[in-house]
Amino acid sequence: MYTGKGALCYLPDLVQWADVVRDLLRPGGFLYVVEFHPLLNSLRPVSLPGESDDLVLRKDYLEGRGPIAHESTVTYTGDEVPGRQRSYEWMHGLGELVTTLSAAGFRIDSLRESEVLPWPRWSSMEQTPGGWWRLPDDAPRIPLLFALKATKAG
């Protein structure tokens, strides 16, 4: 089973999600999650007027404060919609995800962090030979994506 980029932030309850995933898999089946790193989600994607594109923590990294409401006339894909739209996201740190999956009966096989994104989130990002995007060499190396593989216990 695969969960892909940008899905976990829309889940208010990781425990319920992990239980559903577990119930859908046979023993020995695995879950593969490729997701935007919670640190990336803590950095606002677009600076507000008067702010710089500096890498500054602007939101929580850890879970626990409930949903974060967003109001915008633009969707996360960049499409313009009439009127203001409200959406909600929940923060989930890596510790919460790993602990939740473990408690649901999964063995964590691997957890990798990566410094690349499939699009240039900041104007200073540079394209890699593989077509992904990374921060320039003089910027801090921070995780932007992660990949986790977990196997359902037999």
N, C-alpha and C. Protein backbone atom coordinates (compact mmCIF):
# COMPACT_ATOMS: atom_id res chain seq x y z
N MET A 1 0.86 -1.16 0.00
CA MET A 1 0.00 0.00 0.00
C MET A 1 0.91 1.23 0.00
N TYR A 2 0.47 2.26 -0.69
CA TYR A 2 1.26 3.49 -0.82
C TYR A 2 0.43 4.68 -0.36
N THR A 3 1.06 5.56 0.40
CA THR A 3 0.49 6.85 0.75
C THR A 3 1.46 7.90 0.24
N GLY A 4 0.97 8.83 -0.56
CA GLY A 4 1.86 9.75 -1.25
C GLY A 4 1.80 11.18 -0.81
N LYS A 5 2.70 11.92 -1.33
CA LYS A 5 2.99 13.30 -0.98
C LYS A 5 1.75 14.17 -0.75
N GLY A 6 1.65 14.67 0.46
CA GLY A 6 0.59 15.62 0.79
C GLY A 6 -0.68 15.01 1.32
N ALA A 7 -0.65 13.74 1.74
CA ALA A 7 -1.87 13.10 2.23
C ALA A 7 -2.01 13.16 3.74
N LEU A 8 -0.93 12.93 4.47
CA LEU A 8 -1.04 12.79 5.93
C LEU A 8 -1.52 14.06 6.62
N CYS A 9 -1.22 15.22 6.07
CA CYS A 9 -1.63 16.46 6.74
C CYS A 9 -3.15 16.64 6.75
N TYR A 10 -3.86 15.88 5.95
CA TYR A 10 -5.33 15.99 5.93
C TYR A 10 -5.99 14.96 6.85
N LEU A 11 -5.20 14.20 7.57
CA LEU A 11 -5.74 13.19 8.48
C LEU A 11 -5.72 13.72 9.92
N PRO A 12 -6.88 13.88 10.54
CA PRO A 12 -6.89 14.36 11.92
C PRO A 12 -6.50 13.28 12.93
N ASP A 13 -6.59 12.00 12.55
CA ASP A 13 -6.37 10.91 13.49
C ASP A 13 -5.49 9.84 12.87
N LEU A 14 -4.18 9.88 13.14
CA LEU A 14 -3.26 8.88 12.58
C LEU A 14 -3.52 7.48 13.12
N VAL A 15 -3.98 7.36 14.36
CA VAL A 15 -4.25 6.04 14.94
C VAL A 15 -5.33 5.33 14.13
N GLN A 16 -6.41 6.02 13.85
CA GLN A 16 -7.50 5.43 13.07
C GLN A 16 -7.01 5.06 11.67
N TRP A 17 -6.24 5.93 11.03
CA TRP A 17 -5.68 5.65 9.71
C TRP A 17 -4.79 4.41 9.73
N ALA A 18 -3.88 4.33 10.71
CA ALA A 18 -2.97 3.18 10.81
C ALA A 18 -3.74 1.88 11.01
N ASP A 19 -4.80 1.92 11.80
CA ASP A 19 -5.63 0.72 12.02
C ASP A 19 -6.30 0.28 10.72
N VAL A 20 -6.80 1.23 9.92
CA VAL A 20 -7.43 0.89 8.64
C VAL A 20 -6.39 0.28 7.70
N VAL A 21 -5.22 0.90 7.61
CA VAL A 21 -4.15 0.37 6.74
C VAL A 21 -3.78 -1.05 7.18
N ARG A 22 -3.59 -1.25 8.47
CA ARG A 22 -3.26 -2.58 8.99
C ARG A 22 -4.32 -3.61 8.61
N ASP A 23 -5.58 -3.24 8.76
CA ASP A 23 -6.67 -4.17 8.47
C ASP A 23 -6.77 -4.50 6.98
N LEU A 24 -6.29 -3.63 6.12
CA LEU A 24 -6.34 -3.87 4.68
C LEU A 24 -5.19 -4.75 4.18
N LEU A 25 -4.13 -4.85 4.97
CA LEU A 25 -2.95 -5.62 4.54
C LEU A 25 -2.96 -7.03 5.10
N ARG A 26 -2.40 -7.94 4.31
CA ARG A 26 -2.16 -9.30 4.81
C ARG A 26 -0.90 -9.28 5.67
N PRO A 27 -0.71 -10.27 6.55
CA PRO A 27 0.55 -10.36 7.28
C PRO A 27 1.72 -10.40 6.29
N GLY A 28 2.73 -9.61 6.55
CA GLY A 28 3.88 -9.49 5.66
C GLY A 28 3.71 -8.44 4.59
N GLY A 29 2.47 -7.91 4.44
CA GLY A 29 2.25 -6.81 3.49
C GLY A 29 2.92 -5.55 4.02
N PHE A 30 3.18 -4.63 3.13
CA PHE A 30 3.87 -3.43 3.62
C PHE A 30 3.21 -2.14 3.17
N LEU A 31 3.48 -1.12 3.93
CA LEU A 31 3.05 0.25 3.68
C LEU A 31 4.28 1.04 3.29
N TYR A 32 4.16 1.81 2.23
CA TYR A 32 5.25 2.69 1.81
C TYR A 32 4.69 4.11 1.80
N VAL A 33 5.28 4.98 2.59
CA VAL A 33 4.85 6.38 2.71
C VAL A 33 5.96 7.26 2.15
N VAL A 34 5.65 8.07 1.17
CA VAL A 34 6.55 9.13 0.70
C VAL A 34 5.79 10.42 0.94
N GLU A 35 6.35 11.26 1.79
CA GLU A 35 5.57 12.41 2.27
C GLU A 35 6.48 13.62 2.44
N PHE A 36 5.87 14.78 2.37
CA PHE A 36 6.61 16.01 2.68
C PHE A 36 7.02 15.96 4.14
N HIS A 37 8.25 16.31 4.40
CA HIS A 37 8.79 16.24 5.76
C HIS A 37 8.06 17.23 6.66
N PRO A 38 7.77 16.84 7.90
CA PRO A 38 7.10 17.77 8.82
C PRO A 38 7.87 19.08 9.01
N LEU A 39 9.19 19.05 8.87
CA LEU A 39 9.95 20.29 8.97
C LEU A 39 9.57 21.23 7.82
N LEU A 40 9.42 20.68 6.61
CA LEU A 40 8.99 21.49 5.47
C LEU A 40 7.64 22.12 5.75
N ASN A 41 6.73 21.35 6.34
CA ASN A 41 5.40 21.87 6.64
C ASN A 41 5.43 22.96 7.70
N SER A 42 6.50 23.03 8.48
CA SER A 42 6.64 24.07 9.50
C SER A 42 7.13 25.39 8.91
N LEU A 43 7.65 25.31 7.70
CA LEU A 43 8.11 26.51 7.00
C LEU A 43 7.00 26.94 6.05
N ARG A 44 6.48 28.13 6.21
CA ARG A 44 5.38 28.58 5.36
C ARG A 44 5.81 28.50 3.89
N PRO A 45 4.97 27.96 3.01
CA PRO A 45 5.36 27.77 1.62
C PRO A 45 5.59 29.08 0.87
N VAL A 46 4.84 30.11 1.19
CA VAL A 46 4.98 31.39 0.50
C VAL A 46 5.05 32.47 1.57
N SER A 47 6.01 33.35 1.43
CA SER A 47 6.14 34.43 2.40
C SER A 47 4.99 35.41 2.27
N LEU A 48 4.61 35.97 3.39
CA LEU A 48 3.59 37.01 3.40
C LEU A 48 4.22 38.32 2.92
N PRO A 49 3.41 39.29 2.49
CA PRO A 49 3.98 40.58 2.06
C PRO A 49 4.89 41.16 3.14
N GLY A 50 6.06 41.57 2.72
CA GLY A 50 7.03 42.15 3.65
C GLY A 50 7.95 41.13 4.30
N GLU A 51 7.69 39.84 4.12
CA GLU A 51 8.56 38.80 4.69
C GLU A 51 9.53 38.31 3.62
N SER A 52 10.62 37.74 4.08
CA SER A 52 11.61 37.18 3.15
C SER A 52 11.33 35.69 2.95
N ASP A 53 12.05 35.09 2.03
CA ASP A 53 11.97 33.65 1.80
C ASP A 53 12.94 32.88 2.69
N ASP A 54 13.48 33.54 3.74
CA ASP A 54 14.39 32.86 4.65
C ASP A 54 13.72 31.64 5.26
N LEU A 55 14.52 30.64 5.56
CA LEU A 55 14.01 29.41 6.17
C LEU A 55 13.77 29.67 7.65
N VAL A 56 12.55 30.05 7.97
CA VAL A 56 12.16 30.39 9.33
C VAL A 56 10.98 29.52 9.71
N LEU A 57 11.03 28.96 10.91
CA LEU A 57 9.89 28.18 11.39
C LEU A 57 8.73 29.13 11.63
N ARG A 58 7.62 28.82 10.95
CA ARG A 58 6.44 29.69 11.07
C ARG A 58 5.23 28.94 11.59
N LYS A 59 5.32 27.60 11.65
CA LYS A 59 4.22 26.77 12.14
C LYS A 59 4.80 25.69 13.05
N ASP A 60 3.92 25.02 13.77
CA ASP A 60 4.36 23.91 14.63
C ASP A 60 4.95 22.78 13.79
N TYR A 61 5.93 22.10 14.35
CA TYR A 61 6.44 20.85 13.78
C TYR A 61 5.68 19.67 14.37
N LEU A 62 5.39 19.75 15.65
CA LEU A 62 4.75 18.65 16.37
C LEU A 62 3.24 18.77 16.34
N GLU A 63 2.61 17.63 16.51
CA GLU A 63 1.16 17.54 16.58
C GLU A 63 0.67 18.04 17.93
N GLY A 64 -0.65 18.15 18.08
CA GLY A 64 -1.20 18.39 19.40
C GLY A 64 -2.01 19.65 19.57
N ARG A 65 -1.94 20.58 18.65
CA ARG A 65 -2.72 21.82 18.81
C ARG A 65 -3.96 21.85 17.93
N GLY A 66 -4.29 20.71 17.33
CA GLY A 66 -5.47 20.67 16.48
C GLY A 66 -5.18 21.14 15.08
N PRO A 67 -6.25 21.36 14.31
CA PRO A 67 -6.06 21.71 12.90
C PRO A 67 -5.56 23.13 12.72
N ILE A 68 -4.85 23.32 11.62
CA ILE A 68 -4.43 24.65 11.19
C ILE A 68 -5.34 25.03 10.04
N ALA A 69 -6.07 26.13 10.20
CA ALA A 69 -7.00 26.59 9.16
C ALA A 69 -6.26 27.46 8.16
N HIS A 70 -6.57 27.27 6.89
CA HIS A 70 -6.02 28.08 5.81
C HIS A 70 -7.20 28.70 5.06
N GLU A 71 -7.11 29.99 4.80
CA GLU A 71 -8.12 30.65 3.97
C GLU A 71 -7.41 31.25 2.78
N SER A 72 -7.90 30.93 1.59
CA SER A 72 -7.24 31.40 0.39
C SER A 72 -8.19 31.33 -0.78
N THR A 73 -7.88 32.07 -1.82
CA THR A 73 -8.62 31.97 -3.08
C THR A 73 -7.86 31.10 -4.07
N VAL A 74 -6.74 30.51 -3.61
CA VAL A 74 -5.91 29.66 -4.45
C VAL A 74 -5.81 28.29 -3.79
N THR A 75 -5.96 27.22 -4.57
CA THR A 75 -5.84 25.86 -4.04
C THR A 75 -4.37 25.50 -3.88
N TYR A 76 -4.10 24.36 -3.26
CA TYR A 76 -2.71 23.92 -3.09
C TYR A 76 -2.05 23.61 -4.43
N THR A 77 -2.82 23.44 -5.50
CA THR A 77 -2.25 23.21 -6.83
C THR A 77 -2.01 24.51 -7.58
N GLY A 78 -2.40 25.64 -6.98
CA GLY A 78 -2.19 26.93 -7.61
C GLY A 78 -3.37 27.43 -8.41
N ASP A 79 -4.47 26.68 -8.43
CA ASP A 79 -5.65 27.09 -9.19
C ASP A 79 -6.44 28.14 -8.42
N GLU A 80 -6.90 29.15 -9.13
CA GLU A 80 -7.71 30.21 -8.54
C GLU A 80 -9.16 29.73 -8.44
N VAL A 81 -9.79 29.98 -7.29
CA VAL A 81 -11.20 29.63 -7.10
C VAL A 81 -11.94 30.88 -6.62
N PRO A 82 -13.21 31.04 -7.02
CA PRO A 82 -13.94 32.24 -6.60
C PRO A 82 -14.23 32.21 -5.10
N GLY A 83 -14.08 33.34 -4.46
CA GLY A 83 -14.35 33.43 -3.03
C GLY A 83 -13.25 32.79 -2.20
N ARG A 84 -13.25 33.10 -0.93
CA ARG A 84 -12.25 32.52 -0.04
C ARG A 84 -12.64 31.10 0.30
N GLN A 85 -11.68 30.21 0.27
CA GLN A 85 -11.89 28.80 0.60
C GLN A 85 -11.16 28.50 1.90
N ARG A 86 -11.78 27.72 2.76
CA ARG A 86 -11.14 27.33 4.01
C ARG A 86 -10.81 25.86 3.95
N SER A 87 -9.58 25.54 4.32
CA SER A 87 -9.16 24.14 4.42
C SER A 87 -8.44 23.96 5.75
N TYR A 88 -8.27 22.71 6.15
CA TYR A 88 -7.64 22.41 7.44
C TYR A 88 -6.54 21.38 7.23
N GLU A 89 -5.46 21.53 7.98
CA GLU A 89 -4.36 20.58 7.97
C GLU A 89 -3.96 20.27 9.41
N TRP A 90 -3.45 19.05 9.62
CA TRP A 90 -2.98 18.62 10.93
C TRP A 90 -1.49 18.32 10.83
N MET A 91 -0.75 18.77 11.82
CA MET A 91 0.69 18.50 11.85
C MET A 91 0.93 17.11 12.46
N HIS A 92 1.83 16.36 11.85
CA HIS A 92 2.22 15.05 12.36
C HIS A 92 3.74 14.94 12.26
N GLY A 93 4.43 14.93 13.41
CA GLY A 93 5.87 14.76 13.42
C GLY A 93 6.25 13.32 13.09
N LEU A 94 7.52 13.12 12.73
CA LEU A 94 7.99 11.76 12.42
C LEU A 94 7.84 10.83 13.62
N GLY A 95 8.06 11.34 14.81
CA GLY A 95 7.91 10.50 16.00
C GLY A 95 6.49 10.00 16.16
N GLU A 96 5.52 10.86 15.92
CA GLU A 96 4.12 10.44 16.01
C GLU A 96 3.82 9.37 14.98
N LEU A 97 4.28 9.55 13.75
CA LEU A 97 4.01 8.57 12.68
C LEU A 97 4.64 7.22 13.00
N VAL A 98 5.91 7.20 13.37
CA VAL A 98 6.60 5.94 13.66
C VAL A 98 5.97 5.23 14.86
N THR A 99 5.69 5.97 15.91
CA THR A 99 5.10 5.39 17.11
C THR A 99 3.69 4.85 16.82
N THR A 100 2.90 5.57 16.05
CA THR A 100 1.55 5.14 15.70
C THR A 100 1.59 3.85 14.89
N LEU A 101 2.45 3.79 13.88
CA LEU A 101 2.54 2.58 13.07
C LEU A 101 3.04 1.39 13.89
N SER A 102 4.00 1.62 14.74
CA SER A 102 4.53 0.55 15.60
C SER A 102 3.44 0.02 16.52
N ALA A 103 2.68 0.92 17.13
CA ALA A 103 1.61 0.51 18.04
C ALA A 103 0.49 -0.24 17.31
N ALA A 104 0.33 0.04 16.00
CA ALA A 104 -0.70 -0.63 15.20
C ALA A 104 -0.24 -2.00 14.70
N GLY A 105 0.98 -2.39 15.02
CA GLY A 105 1.45 -3.72 14.63
C GLY A 105 2.35 -3.74 13.41
N PHE A 106 2.97 -2.61 13.10
CA PHE A 106 3.90 -2.56 11.98
C PHE A 106 5.34 -2.58 12.49
N ARG A 107 6.20 -3.20 11.71
CA ARG A 107 7.66 -3.14 11.94
C ARG A 107 8.19 -2.08 10.98
N ILE A 108 8.93 -1.11 11.50
CA ILE A 108 9.51 -0.07 10.66
C ILE A 108 10.77 -0.65 10.02
N ASP A 109 10.76 -0.78 8.70
CA ASP A 109 11.89 -1.34 7.97
C ASP A 109 12.91 -0.28 7.59
N SER A 110 12.43 0.90 7.22
CA SER A 110 13.36 1.96 6.84
C SER A 110 12.68 3.31 6.96
N LEU A 111 13.49 4.31 7.20
CA LEU A 111 13.04 5.70 7.24
C LEU A 111 14.17 6.53 6.67
N ARG A 112 13.94 7.13 5.52
CA ARG A 112 14.96 7.96 4.87
C ARG A 112 14.44 9.37 4.72
N GLU A 113 15.35 10.35 4.87
CA GLU A 113 15.02 11.75 4.67
C GLU A 113 15.79 12.24 3.44
N SER A 114 15.19 13.19 2.72
CA SER A 114 15.80 13.66 1.48
C SER A 114 15.73 15.18 1.41
N GLU A 115 16.69 15.76 0.74
CA GLU A 115 16.77 17.22 0.61
C GLU A 115 16.17 17.73 -0.70
N VAL A 116 15.40 16.91 -1.41
CA VAL A 116 14.83 17.32 -2.70
C VAL A 116 13.30 17.36 -2.66
N LEU A 117 12.75 18.14 -3.59
CA LEU A 117 11.31 18.25 -3.78
C LEU A 117 10.99 18.11 -5.28
N PRO A 118 9.76 17.73 -5.61
CA PRO A 118 9.41 17.61 -7.02
C PRO A 118 9.11 18.95 -7.70
N TRP A 119 9.10 20.05 -6.97
CA TRP A 119 8.88 21.37 -7.54
C TRP A 119 9.68 22.39 -6.73
N PRO A 120 9.94 23.58 -7.29
CA PRO A 120 10.72 24.59 -6.55
C PRO A 120 9.84 25.38 -5.59
N ARG A 121 9.87 25.01 -4.33
CA ARG A 121 9.03 25.69 -3.33
C ARG A 121 9.50 27.11 -3.07
N TRP A 122 10.81 27.32 -3.13
CA TRP A 122 11.38 28.66 -2.96
C TRP A 122 12.10 29.05 -4.24
N SER A 123 12.10 30.34 -4.52
CA SER A 123 12.69 30.82 -5.77
C SER A 123 14.19 30.54 -5.85
N SER A 124 14.86 30.35 -4.73
CA SER A 124 16.30 30.10 -4.72
C SER A 124 16.65 28.63 -5.03
N MET A 125 15.66 27.76 -5.13
CA MET A 125 15.95 26.34 -5.35
C MET A 125 16.54 26.10 -6.74
N GLU A 126 17.39 25.08 -6.81
CA GLU A 126 18.07 24.73 -8.05
C GLU A 126 17.63 23.33 -8.48
N GLN A 127 17.51 23.15 -9.79
CA GLN A 127 17.08 21.86 -10.31
C GLN A 127 18.26 20.89 -10.36
N THR A 128 18.01 19.66 -9.94
CA THR A 128 19.04 18.62 -9.97
C THR A 128 19.07 17.98 -11.35
N PRO A 129 20.12 17.23 -11.68
CA PRO A 129 20.15 16.53 -12.97
C PRO A 129 18.97 15.57 -13.16
N GLY A 130 18.40 15.06 -12.06
CA GLY A 130 17.26 14.15 -12.13
C GLY A 130 15.92 14.86 -12.26
N GLY A 131 15.92 16.21 -12.28
CA GLY A 131 14.68 16.96 -12.46
C GLY A 131 14.01 17.39 -11.17
N TRP A 132 14.57 17.01 -10.01
CA TRP A 132 14.01 17.43 -8.73
C TRP A 132 14.62 18.78 -8.37
N TRP A 133 14.23 19.33 -7.23
CA TRP A 133 14.68 20.66 -6.81
C TRP A 133 15.27 20.58 -5.42
N ARG A 134 16.35 21.32 -5.20
CA ARG A 134 17.02 21.37 -3.89
C ARG A 134 17.44 22.80 -3.60
N LEU A 135 17.71 23.07 -2.33
CA LEU A 135 18.21 24.38 -1.94
C LEU A 135 19.64 24.54 -2.44
N PRO A 136 20.10 25.78 -2.65
CA PRO A 136 21.47 25.98 -3.13
C PRO A 136 22.50 25.50 -2.12
N ASP A 137 23.72 25.30 -2.58
CA ASP A 137 24.80 24.76 -1.74
C ASP A 137 25.07 25.59 -0.50
N ASP A 138 24.84 26.91 -0.55
CA ASP A 138 25.14 27.75 0.61
C ASP A 138 23.99 27.78 1.63
N ALA A 139 22.88 27.12 1.33
CA ALA A 139 21.75 27.05 2.26
C ALA A 139 21.93 25.85 3.19
N PRO A 140 21.28 25.86 4.34
CA PRO A 140 21.35 24.69 5.23
C PRO A 140 20.77 23.46 4.53
N ARG A 141 21.35 22.30 4.81
CA ARG A 141 20.79 21.04 4.30
C ARG A 141 19.72 20.60 5.29
N ILE A 142 18.48 20.61 4.83
CA ILE A 142 17.36 20.22 5.68
C ILE A 142 16.52 19.17 4.95
N PRO A 143 15.82 18.32 5.70
CA PRO A 143 14.96 17.33 5.03
C PRO A 143 13.70 18.00 4.50
N LEU A 144 13.37 17.68 3.25
CA LEU A 144 12.18 18.22 2.61
C LEU A 144 11.15 17.13 2.32
N LEU A 145 11.62 15.90 2.15
CA LEU A 145 10.78 14.72 1.93
C LEU A 145 11.27 13.61 2.83
N PHE A 146 10.40 12.64 3.09
CA PHE A 146 10.86 11.40 3.74
C PHE A 146 10.15 10.22 3.11
N ALA A 147 10.79 9.08 3.24
CA ALA A 147 10.20 7.82 2.76
C ALA A 147 10.30 6.81 3.90
N LEU A 148 9.18 6.15 4.19
CA LEU A 148 9.11 5.19 5.28
C LEU A 148 8.51 3.89 4.73
N LYS A 149 9.13 2.78 5.06
CA LYS A 149 8.57 1.47 4.72
C LYS A 149 8.30 0.73 6.02
N ALA A 150 7.07 0.22 6.17
CA ALA A 150 6.66 -0.51 7.37
C ALA A 150 5.94 -1.78 6.95
N THR A 151 6.28 -2.90 7.59
CA THR A 151 5.70 -4.19 7.27
C THR A 151 4.74 -4.62 8.38
N LYS A 152 3.57 -5.14 7.97
CA LYS A 152 2.60 -5.63 8.93
C LYS A 152 3.14 -6.91 9.56
N ALA A 153 3.14 -6.96 10.88
CA ALA A 153 3.63 -8.14 11.59
C ALA A 153 2.76 -9.35 11.24
N GLY A 154 3.41 -10.51 11.19
CA GLY A 154 2.73 -11.74 10.79
C GLY A 154 2.04 -12.37 11.93
